[in-house]
Amino acid sequence: MSLNGLIQLNTRKETIEILKQQHAKGYRYVVRDKEMPYLICFSIKPKRYRDMESWGYVDSDADGVMGAYPIKNTDITEIHFNNRAATLISNFLDKNTT
């Protein structure tokens, strides 16, 4: 895992490029934990845990599970904890790339 996305604050454009790379590697969903400066990519659909105010895998041993991938970003505000479901990376990219 490259530490670029984790340590440095990424612009919207940089984050979209990182999301493209992660989608190509097999990540399919992106979420944001409550009041956190990170987007988190998941390979299978994560569950929102309201009591811990975070997202995570229901079964971390399921087929196809890859470790969650964080991306430090604060200007993609349409992905937030209060979304009812995780955002499909492909849908986000379709709406945000030309």
PDB file of N, CA and C in Angstrom:
ATOM      1  N   MET A   1       0.848  -1.179   0.000  1.00  0.00           N
ATOM      2  CA  MET A   1       0.000   0.000   0.000  1.00  0.00           C
ATOM      3  C   MET A   1       0.888   1.234   0.000  1.00  0.00           C
ATOM      4  N   SER A   2       0.588   2.158  -0.896  1.00  0.00           N
ATOM      5  CA  SER A   2       1.292   3.429  -0.938  1.00  0.00           C
ATOM      6  C   SER A   2       0.806   4.302   0.216  1.00  0.00           C
ATOM      7  N   LEU A   3       1.737   4.979   0.846  1.00  0.00           N
ATOM      8  CA  LEU A   3       1.358   5.844   1.963  1.00  0.00           C
ATOM      9  C   LEU A   3       0.894   7.218   1.503  1.00  0.00           C
ATOM     10  N   ASN A   4       1.034   7.526   0.193  1.00  0.00           N
ATOM     11  CA  ASN A   4       0.611   8.841  -0.306  1.00  0.00           C
ATOM     12  C   ASN A   4      -0.822   9.161   0.052  1.00  0.00           C
ATOM     13  N   GLY A   5      -1.734   8.250  -0.226  1.00  0.00           N
ATOM     14  CA  GLY A   5      -3.141   8.505   0.035  1.00  0.00           C
ATOM     15  C   GLY A   5      -3.470   8.567   1.502  1.00  0.00           C
ATOM     16  N   LEU A   6      -2.644   7.951   2.325  1.00  0.00           N
ATOM     17  CA  LEU A   6      -2.898   7.872   3.755  1.00  0.00           C
ATOM     18  C   LEU A   6      -2.370   9.087   4.512  1.00  0.00           C
ATOM     19  N   ILE A   7      -1.186   9.551   4.170  1.00  0.00           N
ATOM     20  CA  ILE A   7      -0.532  10.600   4.947  1.00  0.00           C
ATOM     21  C   ILE A   7      -0.862  12.003   4.442  1.00  0.00           C
ATOM     22  N   GLN A   8      -0.734  12.209   3.143  1.00  0.00           N
ATOM     23  CA  GLN A   8      -0.956  13.557   2.623  1.00  0.00           C
ATOM     24  C   GLN A   8      -2.435  13.796   2.382  1.00  0.00           C
ATOM     25  N   LEU A   9      -2.857  15.029   2.597  1.00  0.00           N
ATOM     26  CA  LEU A   9      -4.235  15.422   2.304  1.00  0.00           C
ATOM     27  C   LEU A   9      -4.353  15.544   0.793  1.00  0.00           C
ATOM     28  N   ASN A  10      -5.250  14.774   0.208  1.00  0.00           N
ATOM     29  CA  ASN A  10      -5.407  14.735  -1.240  1.00  0.00           C
ATOM     30  C   ASN A  10      -6.532  15.648  -1.693  1.00  0.00           C
ATOM     31  N   THR A  11      -6.312  16.318  -2.823  1.00  0.00           N
ATOM     32  CA  THR A  11      -7.357  17.142  -3.423  1.00  0.00           C
ATOM     33  C   THR A  11      -8.413  16.216  -4.016  1.00  0.00           C
ATOM     34  N   ARG A  12      -9.511  16.801  -4.435  1.00  0.00           N
ATOM     35  CA  ARG A  12     -10.575  16.025  -5.074  1.00  0.00           C
ATOM     36  C   ARG A  12     -10.033  15.290  -6.305  1.00  0.00           C
ATOM     37  N   LYS A  13      -9.275  16.000  -7.145  1.00  0.00           N
ATOM     38  CA  LYS A  13      -8.729  15.412  -8.368  1.00  0.00           C
ATOM     39  C   LYS A  13      -7.788  14.249  -8.038  1.00  0.00           C
ATOM     40  N   GLU A  14      -6.898  14.436  -7.064  1.00  0.00           N
ATOM     41  CA  GLU A  14      -5.974  13.366  -6.659  1.00  0.00           C
ATOM     42  C   GLU A  14      -6.735  12.165  -6.103  1.00  0.00           C
ATOM     43  N   THR A  15      -7.768  12.441  -5.324  1.00  0.00           N
ATOM     44  CA  THR A  15      -8.564  11.368  -4.727  1.00  0.00           C
ATOM     45  C   THR A  15      -9.285  10.569  -5.803  1.00  0.00           C
ATOM     46  N   ILE A  16      -9.798  11.238  -6.811  1.00  0.00           N
ATOM     47  CA  ILE A  16     -10.462  10.532  -7.905  1.00  0.00           C
ATOM     48  C   ILE A  16      -9.469   9.603  -8.604  1.00  0.00           C
ATOM     49  N   GLU A  17      -8.239  10.050  -8.796  1.00  0.00           N
ATOM     50  CA  GLU A  17      -7.214   9.189  -9.409  1.00  0.00           C
ATOM     51  C   GLU A  17      -6.905   7.982  -8.510  1.00  0.00           C
ATOM     52  N   ILE A  18      -6.820   8.207  -7.213  1.00  0.00           N
ATOM     53  CA  ILE A  18      -6.572   7.098  -6.274  1.00  0.00           C
ATOM     54  C   ILE A  18      -7.748   6.123  -6.299  1.00  0.00           C
ATOM     55  N   LEU A  19      -8.972   6.648  -6.353  1.00  0.00           N
ATOM     56  CA  LEU A  19     -10.149   5.775  -6.425  1.00  0.00           C
ATOM     57  C   LEU A  19     -10.129   4.930  -7.695  1.00  0.00           C
ATOM     58  N   LYS A  20      -9.709   5.510  -8.808  1.00  0.00           N
ATOM     59  CA  LYS A  20      -9.577   4.738 -10.057  1.00  0.00           C
ATOM     60  C   LYS A  20      -8.586   3.589  -9.871  1.00  0.00           C
ATOM     61  N   GLN A  21      -7.452   3.885  -9.251  1.00  0.00           N
ATOM     62  CA  GLN A  21      -6.427   2.855  -9.022  1.00  0.00           C
ATOM     63  C   GLN A  21      -6.954   1.758  -8.105  1.00  0.00           C
ATOM     64  N   GLN A  22      -7.632   2.145  -7.042  1.00  0.00           N
ATOM     65  CA  GLN A  22      -8.138   1.155  -6.092  1.00  0.00           C
ATOM     66  C   GLN A  22      -9.261   0.321  -6.716  1.00  0.00           C
ATOM     67  N   HIS A  23     -10.075   0.937  -7.545  1.00  0.00           N
ATOM     68  CA  HIS A  23     -11.134   0.194  -8.240  1.00  0.00           C
ATOM     69  C   HIS A  23     -10.501  -0.854  -9.153  1.00  0.00           C
ATOM     70  N   ALA A  24      -9.436  -0.490  -9.837  1.00  0.00           N
ATOM     71  CA  ALA A  24      -8.740  -1.432 -10.721  1.00  0.00           C
ATOM     72  C   ALA A  24      -8.144  -2.605  -9.924  1.00  0.00           C
ATOM     73  N   LYS A  25      -7.815  -2.374  -8.660  1.00  0.00           N
ATOM     74  CA  LYS A  25      -7.254  -3.431  -7.802  1.00  0.00           C
ATOM     75  C   LYS A  25      -8.326  -4.321  -7.177  1.00  0.00           C
ATOM     76  N   GLY A  26      -9.598  -3.924  -7.297  1.00  0.00           N
ATOM     77  CA  GLY A  26     -10.669  -4.755  -6.762  1.00  0.00           C
ATOM     78  C   GLY A  26     -11.518  -4.123  -5.676  1.00  0.00           C
ATOM     79  N   TYR A  27     -11.220  -2.894  -5.288  1.00  0.00           N
ATOM     80  CA  TYR A  27     -12.057  -2.203  -4.311  1.00  0.00           C
ATOM     81  C   TYR A  27     -13.317  -1.715  -5.011  1.00  0.00           C
ATOM     82  N   ARG A  28     -14.468  -1.863  -4.376  1.00  0.00           N
ATOM     83  CA  ARG A  28     -15.742  -1.551  -5.022  1.00  0.00           C
ATOM     84  C   ARG A  28     -16.569  -0.484  -4.312  1.00  0.00           C
ATOM     85  N   TYR A  29     -16.328  -0.251  -3.039  1.00  0.00           N
ATOM     86  CA  TYR A  29     -17.144   0.684  -2.250  1.00  0.00           C
ATOM     87  C   TYR A  29     -16.260   1.705  -1.552  1.00  0.00           C
ATOM     88  N   VAL A  30     -16.815   2.899  -1.348  1.00  0.00           N
ATOM     89  CA  VAL A  30     -16.109   3.939  -0.604  1.00  0.00           C
ATOM     90  C   VAL A  30     -17.081   4.574   0.388  1.00  0.00           C
ATOM     91  N   VAL A  31     -16.592   4.850   1.590  1.00  0.00           N
ATOM     92  CA  VAL A  31     -17.392   5.436   2.670  1.00  0.00           C
ATOM     93  C   VAL A  31     -16.528   6.444   3.434  1.00  0.00           C
ATOM     94  N   ARG A  32     -17.164   7.120   4.386  1.00  0.00           N
ATOM     95  CA  ARG A  32     -16.421   7.986   5.312  1.00  0.00           C
ATOM     96  C   ARG A  32     -16.968   7.724   6.706  1.00  0.00           C
ATOM     97  N   ASP A  33     -16.070   7.508   7.671  1.00  0.00           N
ATOM     98  CA  ASP A  33     -16.490   7.387   9.058  1.00  0.00           C
ATOM     99  C   ASP A  33     -16.907   8.772   9.564  1.00  0.00           C
ATOM    100  N   LYS A  34     -17.678   8.794  10.629  1.00  0.00           N
ATOM    101  CA  LYS A  34     -18.222  10.051  11.153  1.00  0.00           C
ATOM    102  C   LYS A  34     -17.105  11.000  11.581  1.00  0.00           C
ATOM    103  N   GLU A  35     -17.185  12.223  11.050  1.00  0.00           N
ATOM    104  CA  GLU A  35     -16.276  13.311  11.413  1.00  0.00           C
ATOM    105  C   GLU A  35     -14.803  12.945  11.267  1.00  0.00           C
ATOM    106  N   MET A  36     -14.485  12.183  10.233  1.00  0.00           N
ATOM    107  CA  MET A  36     -13.103  11.775   9.979  1.00  0.00           C
ATOM    108  C   MET A  36     -12.629  12.356   8.643  1.00  0.00           C
ATOM    109  N   PRO A  37     -11.322  12.661   8.526  1.00  0.00           N
ATOM    110  CA  PRO A  37     -10.802  13.223   7.277  1.00  0.00           C
ATOM    111  C   PRO A  37     -10.413  12.163   6.241  1.00  0.00           C
ATOM    112  N   TYR A  38     -10.910  10.944   6.416  1.00  0.00           N
ATOM    113  CA  TYR A  38     -10.538   9.860   5.503  1.00  0.00           C
ATOM    114  C   TYR A  38     -11.745   9.260   4.800  1.00  0.00           C
ATOM    115  N   LEU A  39     -11.561   8.965   3.511  1.00  0.00           N
ATOM    116  CA  LEU A  39     -12.466   8.076   2.795  1.00  0.00           C
ATOM    117  C   LEU A  39     -11.874   6.688   2.973  1.00  0.00           C
ATOM    118  N   ILE A  40     -12.714   5.666   3.004  1.00  0.00           N
ATOM    119  CA  ILE A  40     -12.224   4.304   3.201  1.00  0.00           C
ATOM    120  C   ILE A  40     -12.803   3.422   2.112  1.00  0.00           C
ATOM    121  N   CYS A  41     -11.933   2.713   1.398  1.00  0.00           N
ATOM    122  CA  CYS A  41     -12.357   1.818   0.318  1.00  0.00           C
ATOM    123  C   CYS A  41     -12.473   0.393   0.845  1.00  0.00           C
ATOM    124  N   PHE A  42     -13.519  -0.302   0.397  1.00  0.00           N
ATOM    125  CA  PHE A  42     -13.764  -1.692   0.762  1.00  0.00           C
ATOM    126  C   PHE A  42     -13.958  -2.521  -0.503  1.00  0.00           C
ATOM    127  N   SER A  43     -13.551  -3.771  -0.444  1.00  0.00           N
ATOM    128  CA  SER A  43     -13.688  -4.651  -1.611  1.00  0.00           C
ATOM    129  C   SER A  43     -15.065  -5.300  -1.691  1.00  0.00           C
ATOM    130  N   ILE A  44     -15.729  -5.500  -0.568  1.00  0.00           N
ATOM    131  CA  ILE A  44     -17.118  -5.968  -0.568  1.00  0.00           C
ATOM    132  C   ILE A  44     -17.933  -4.981   0.262  1.00  0.00           C
ATOM    133  N   LYS A  45     -19.240  -5.036   0.116  1.00  0.00           N
ATOM    134  CA  LYS A  45     -20.101  -4.032   0.745  1.00  0.00           C
ATOM    135  C   LYS A  45     -19.934  -4.029   2.265  1.00  0.00           C
ATOM    136  N   PRO A  46     -19.555  -2.878   2.820  1.00  0.00           N
ATOM    137  CA  PRO A  46     -19.402  -2.777   4.273  1.00  0.00           C
ATOM    138  C   PRO A  46     -20.725  -2.456   4.962  1.00  0.00           C
ATOM    139  N   LYS A  47     -20.713  -2.611   6.261  1.00  0.00           N
ATOM    140  CA  LYS A  47     -21.879  -2.283   7.088  1.00  0.00           C
ATOM    141  C   LYS A  47     -21.562  -1.031   7.899  1.00  0.00           C
ATOM    142  N   ARG A  48     -22.578  -0.197   8.075  1.00  0.00           N
ATOM    143  CA  ARG A  48     -22.406   0.989   8.925  1.00  0.00           C
ATOM    144  C   ARG A  48     -22.738   0.595  10.355  1.00  0.00           C
ATOM    145  N   TYR A  49     -21.796   0.811  11.253  1.00  0.00           N
ATOM    146  CA  TYR A  49     -21.989   0.527  12.672  1.00  0.00           C
ATOM    147  C   TYR A  49     -22.258   1.848  13.382  1.00  0.00           C
ATOM    148  N   ARG A  50     -23.533   2.087  13.693  1.00  0.00           N
ATOM    149  CA  ARG A  50     -23.911   3.355  14.316  1.00  0.00           C
ATOM    150  C   ARG A  50     -23.328   3.519  15.720  1.00  0.00           C
ATOM    151  N   ASP A  51     -23.255   2.434  16.474  1.00  0.00           N
ATOM    152  CA  ASP A  51     -22.757   2.540  17.850  1.00  0.00           C
ATOM    153  C   ASP A  51     -21.292   2.966  17.899  1.00  0.00           C
ATOM    154  N   MET A  52     -20.493   2.538  16.913  1.00  0.00           N
ATOM    155  CA  MET A  52     -19.077   2.912  16.871  1.00  0.00           C
ATOM    156  C   MET A  52     -18.824   4.077  15.912  1.00  0.00           C
ATOM    157  N   GLU A  53     -19.892   4.513  15.216  1.00  0.00           N
ATOM    158  CA  GLU A  53     -19.817   5.600  14.247  1.00  0.00           C
ATOM    159  C   GLU A  53     -18.743   5.347  13.200  1.00  0.00           C
ATOM    160  N   SER A  54     -18.745   4.118  12.671  1.00  0.00           N
ATOM    161  CA  SER A  54     -17.778   3.749  11.641  1.00  0.00           C
ATOM    162  C   SER A  54     -18.363   2.676  10.735  1.00  0.00           C
ATOM    163  N   TRP A  55     -17.641   2.360   9.683  1.00  0.00           N
ATOM    164  CA  TRP A  55     -18.007   1.318   8.728  1.00  0.00           C
ATOM    165  C   TRP A  55     -17.015   0.171   8.860  1.00  0.00           C
ATOM    166  N   GLY A  56     -17.448  -1.032   8.509  1.00  0.00           N
ATOM    167  CA  GLY A  56     -16.537  -2.171   8.539  1.00  0.00           C
ATOM    168  C   GLY A  56     -17.153  -3.382   7.871  1.00  0.00           C
ATOM    169  N   TYR A  57     -16.319  -4.392   7.677  1.00  0.00           N
ATOM    170  CA  TYR A  57     -16.804  -5.643   7.105  1.00  0.00           C
ATOM    171  C   TYR A  57     -17.630  -6.400   8.139  1.00  0.00           C
ATOM    172  N   VAL A  58     -18.694  -7.041   7.696  1.00  0.00           N
ATOM    173  CA  VAL A  58     -19.481  -7.903   8.573  1.00  0.00           C
ATOM    174  C   VAL A  58     -18.677  -9.167   8.863  1.00  0.00           C
ATOM    175  N   ASP A  59     -18.069  -9.739   7.820  1.00  0.00           N
ATOM    176  CA  ASP A  59     -17.255 -10.945   7.954  1.00  0.00           C
ATOM    177  C   ASP A  59     -15.918 -10.692   7.279  1.00  0.00           C
ATOM    178  N   SER A  60     -14.918 -10.365   8.061  1.00  0.00           N
ATOM    179  CA  SER A  60     -13.611 -10.037   7.495  1.00  0.00           C
ATOM    180  C   SER A  60     -12.900 -11.249   6.894  1.00  0.00           C
ATOM    181  N   ASP A  61     -13.462 -12.444   7.080  1.00  0.00           N
ATOM    182  CA  ASP A  61     -12.880 -13.655   6.494  1.00  0.00           C
ATOM    183  C   ASP A  61     -13.615 -14.105   5.230  1.00  0.00           C
ATOM    184  N   ALA A  62     -14.583 -13.357   4.765  1.00  0.00           N
ATOM    185  CA  ALA A  62     -15.354 -13.721   3.571  1.00  0.00           C
ATOM    186  C   ALA A  62     -14.467 -13.695   2.328  1.00  0.00           C
ATOM    187  N   ASP A  63     -14.870 -14.458   1.320  1.00  0.00           N
ATOM    188  CA  ASP A  63     -14.141 -14.466   0.052  1.00  0.00           C
ATOM    189  C   ASP A  63     -14.152 -13.073  -0.554  1.00  0.00           C
ATOM    190  N   GLY A  64     -13.013 -12.661  -1.081  1.00  0.00           N
ATOM    191  CA  GLY A  64     -12.913 -11.372  -1.757  1.00  0.00           C
ATOM    192  C   GLY A  64     -12.605 -10.191  -0.865  1.00  0.00           C
ATOM    193  N   VAL A  65     -12.475 -10.414   0.431  1.00  0.00           N
ATOM    194  CA  VAL A  65     -12.197  -9.302   1.346  1.00  0.00           C
ATOM    195  C   VAL A  65     -10.726  -8.898   1.254  1.00  0.00           C
ATOM    196  N   MET A  66     -10.514  -7.616   1.025  1.00  0.00           N
ATOM    197  CA  MET A  66      -9.165  -7.033   1.069  1.00  0.00           C
ATOM    198  C   MET A  66      -9.171  -6.012   2.203  1.00  0.00           C
ATOM    199  N   GLY A  67      -8.033  -5.758   2.775  1.00  0.00           N
ATOM    200  CA  GLY A  67      -7.946  -4.784   3.859  1.00  0.00           C
ATOM    201  C   GLY A  67      -8.488  -3.430   3.441  1.00  0.00           C
ATOM    202  N   ALA A  68      -9.196  -2.770   4.324  1.00  0.00           N
ATOM    203  CA  ALA A  68      -9.740  -1.444   4.023  1.00  0.00           C
ATOM    204  C   ALA A  68      -8.602  -0.501   3.651  1.00  0.00           C
ATOM    205  N   TYR A  69      -8.842   0.356   2.667  1.00  0.00           N
ATOM    206  CA  TYR A  69      -7.815   1.273   2.168  1.00  0.00           C
ATOM    207  C   TYR A  69      -8.248   2.710   2.438  1.00  0.00           C
ATOM    208  N   PRO A  70      -7.535   3.429   3.318  1.00  0.00           N
ATOM    209  CA  PRO A  70      -7.905   4.813   3.633  1.00  0.00           C
ATOM    210  C   PRO A  70      -7.275   5.817   2.673  1.00  0.00           C
ATOM    211  N   ILE A  71      -8.009   6.885   2.400  1.00  0.00           N
ATOM    212  CA  ILE A  71      -7.518   7.988   1.569  1.00  0.00           C
ATOM    213  C   ILE A  71      -7.826   9.274   2.318  1.00  0.00           C
ATOM    214  N   LYS A  72      -6.797  10.048   2.626  1.00  0.00           N
ATOM    215  CA  LYS A  72      -7.011  11.291   3.363  1.00  0.00           C
ATOM    216  C   LYS A  72      -7.554  12.358   2.410  1.00  0.00           C
ATOM    217  N   ASN A  73      -8.791  12.794   2.662  1.00  0.00           N
ATOM    218  CA  ASN A  73      -9.462  13.777   1.813  1.00  0.00           C
ATOM    219  C   ASN A  73     -10.607  14.407   2.600  1.00  0.00           C
ATOM    220  N   THR A  74     -10.756  15.713   2.431  1.00  0.00           N
ATOM    221  CA  THR A  74     -11.852  16.405   3.121  1.00  0.00           C
ATOM    222  C   THR A  74     -12.788  17.146   2.174  1.00  0.00           C
ATOM    223  N   ASP A  75     -12.445  17.260   0.892  1.00  0.00           N
ATOM    224  CA  ASP A  75     -13.296  18.060   0.008  1.00  0.00           C
ATOM    225  C   ASP A  75     -14.283  17.253  -0.835  1.00  0.00           C
ATOM    226  N   ILE A  76     -14.337  15.944  -0.668  1.00  0.00           N
ATOM    227  CA  ILE A  76     -15.410  15.154  -1.281  1.00  0.00           C
ATOM    228  C   ILE A  76     -16.476  15.003  -0.204  1.00  0.00           C
ATOM    229  N   THR A  77     -17.368  15.963  -0.188  1.00  0.00           N
ATOM    230  CA  THR A  77     -18.355  16.027   0.892  1.00  0.00           C
ATOM    231  C   THR A  77     -19.601  15.202   0.622  1.00  0.00           C
ATOM    232  N   GLU A  78     -19.785  14.755  -0.630  1.00  0.00           N
ATOM    233  CA  GLU A  78     -20.985  13.971  -0.927  1.00  0.00           C
ATOM    234  C   GLU A  78     -20.903  12.550  -0.386  1.00  0.00           C
ATOM    235  N   ILE A  79     -19.714  12.124   0.014  1.00  0.00           N
ATOM    236  CA  ILE A  79     -19.572  10.835   0.686  1.00  0.00           C
ATOM    237  C   ILE A  79     -19.383  11.148   2.167  1.00  0.00           C
ATOM    238  N   HIS A  80     -20.375  10.770   2.974  1.00  0.00           N
ATOM    239  CA  HIS A  80     -20.304  11.073   4.400  1.00  0.00           C
ATOM    240  C   HIS A  80     -20.955   9.945   5.200  1.00  0.00           C
ATOM    241  N   PHE A  81     -20.757   9.957   6.491  1.00  0.00           N
ATOM    242  CA  PHE A  81     -21.227   8.888   7.370  1.00  0.00           C
ATOM    243  C   PHE A  81     -22.740   8.701   7.307  1.00  0.00           C
ATOM    244  N   ASN A  82     -23.474   9.774   7.126  1.00  0.00           N
ATOM    245  CA  ASN A  82     -24.931   9.683   7.146  1.00  0.00           C
ATOM    246  C   ASN A  82     -25.540   9.098   5.878  1.00  0.00           C
ATOM    247  N   ASN A  83     -24.722   8.791   4.871  1.00  0.00           N
ATOM    248  CA  ASN A  83     -25.262   8.099   3.697  1.00  0.00           C
ATOM    249  C   ASN A  83     -25.848   6.779   4.171  1.00  0.00           C
ATOM    250  N   ARG A  84     -26.981   6.393   3.611  1.00  0.00           N
ATOM    251  CA  ARG A  84     -27.647   5.161   4.051  1.00  0.00           C
ATOM    252  C   ARG A  84     -26.874   3.912   3.656  1.00  0.00           C
ATOM    253  N   ALA A  85     -26.123   4.000   2.579  1.00  0.00           N
ATOM    254  CA  ALA A  85     -25.381   2.835   2.092  1.00  0.00           C
ATOM    255  C   ALA A  85     -24.015   3.291   1.592  1.00  0.00           C
ATOM    256  N   ALA A  86     -23.121   2.356   1.483  1.00  0.00           N
ATOM    257  CA  ALA A  86     -21.801   2.638   0.929  1.00  0.00           C
ATOM    258  C   ALA A  86     -21.943   3.054  -0.535  1.00  0.00           C
ATOM    259  N   THR A  87     -21.072   3.930  -0.978  1.00  0.00           N
ATOM    260  CA  THR A  87     -21.092   4.420  -2.351  1.00  0.00           C
ATOM    261  C   THR A  87     -20.280   3.493  -3.244  1.00  0.00           C
ATOM    262  N   LEU A  88     -20.865   3.063  -4.344  1.00  0.00           N
ATOM    263  CA  LEU A  88     -20.109   2.282  -5.315  1.00  0.00           C
ATOM    264  C   LEU A  88     -19.066   3.182  -5.960  1.00  0.00           C
ATOM    265  N   ILE A  89     -17.826   2.762  -5.949  1.00  0.00           N
ATOM    266  CA  ILE A  89     -16.768   3.573  -6.546  1.00  0.00           C
ATOM    267  C   ILE A  89     -17.062   3.824  -8.018  1.00  0.00           C
ATOM    268  N   SER A  90     -17.542   2.812  -8.728  1.00  0.00           N
ATOM    269  CA  SER A  90     -17.831   2.981 -10.162  1.00  0.00           C
ATOM    270  C   SER A  90     -18.887   4.063 -10.390  1.00  0.00           C
ATOM    271  N   ASN A  91     -19.926   4.114  -9.573  1.00  0.00           N
ATOM    272  CA  ASN A  91     -20.954   5.153  -9.706  1.00  0.00           C
ATOM    273  C   ASN A  91     -20.374   6.534  -9.429  1.00  0.00           C
ATOM    274  N   PHE A  92     -19.564   6.642  -8.383  1.00  0.00           N
ATOM    275  CA  PHE A  92     -18.939   7.921  -8.049  1.00  0.00           C
ATOM    276  C   PHE A  92     -18.052   8.386  -9.198  1.00  0.00           C
ATOM    277  N   LEU A  93     -17.251   7.477  -9.745  1.00  0.00           N
ATOM    278  CA  LEU A  93     -16.360   7.849 -10.841  1.00  0.00           C
ATOM    279  C   LEU A  93     -17.147   8.243 -12.086  1.00  0.00           C
ATOM    280  N   ASP A  94     -18.226   7.546 -12.377  1.00  0.00           N
ATOM    281  CA  ASP A  94     -19.060   7.884 -13.536  1.00  0.00           C
ATOM    282  C   ASP A  94     -19.591   9.319 -13.440  1.00  0.00           C
ATOM    283  N   LYS A  95     -19.975   9.720 -12.234  1.00  0.00           N
ATOM    284  CA  LYS A  95     -20.541  11.057 -12.030  1.00  0.00           C
ATOM    285  C   LYS A  95     -19.477  12.145 -11.961  1.00  0.00           C
ATOM    286  N   ASN A  96     -18.221  11.772 -11.691  1.00  0.00           N
ATOM    287  CA  ASN A  96     -17.196  12.768 -11.416  1.00  0.00           C
ATOM    288  C   ASN A  96     -16.011  12.763 -12.366  1.00  0.00           C
ATOM    289  N   THR A  97     -16.111  12.024 -13.454  1.00  0.00           N
ATOM    290  CA  THR A  97     -15.053  12.063 -14.460  1.00  0.00           C
ATOM    291  C   THR A  97     -15.686  12.297 -15.819  1.00  0.00           C
ATOM    292  N   THR A  98     -14.910  12.877 -16.684  1.00  0.00           N
ATOM    293  CA  THR A  98     -15.435  13.167 -18.027  1.00  0.00           C
ATOM    294  C   THR A  98     -14.715  12.380 -19.084  1.00  0.00           C
TER     295      THR A  98
END
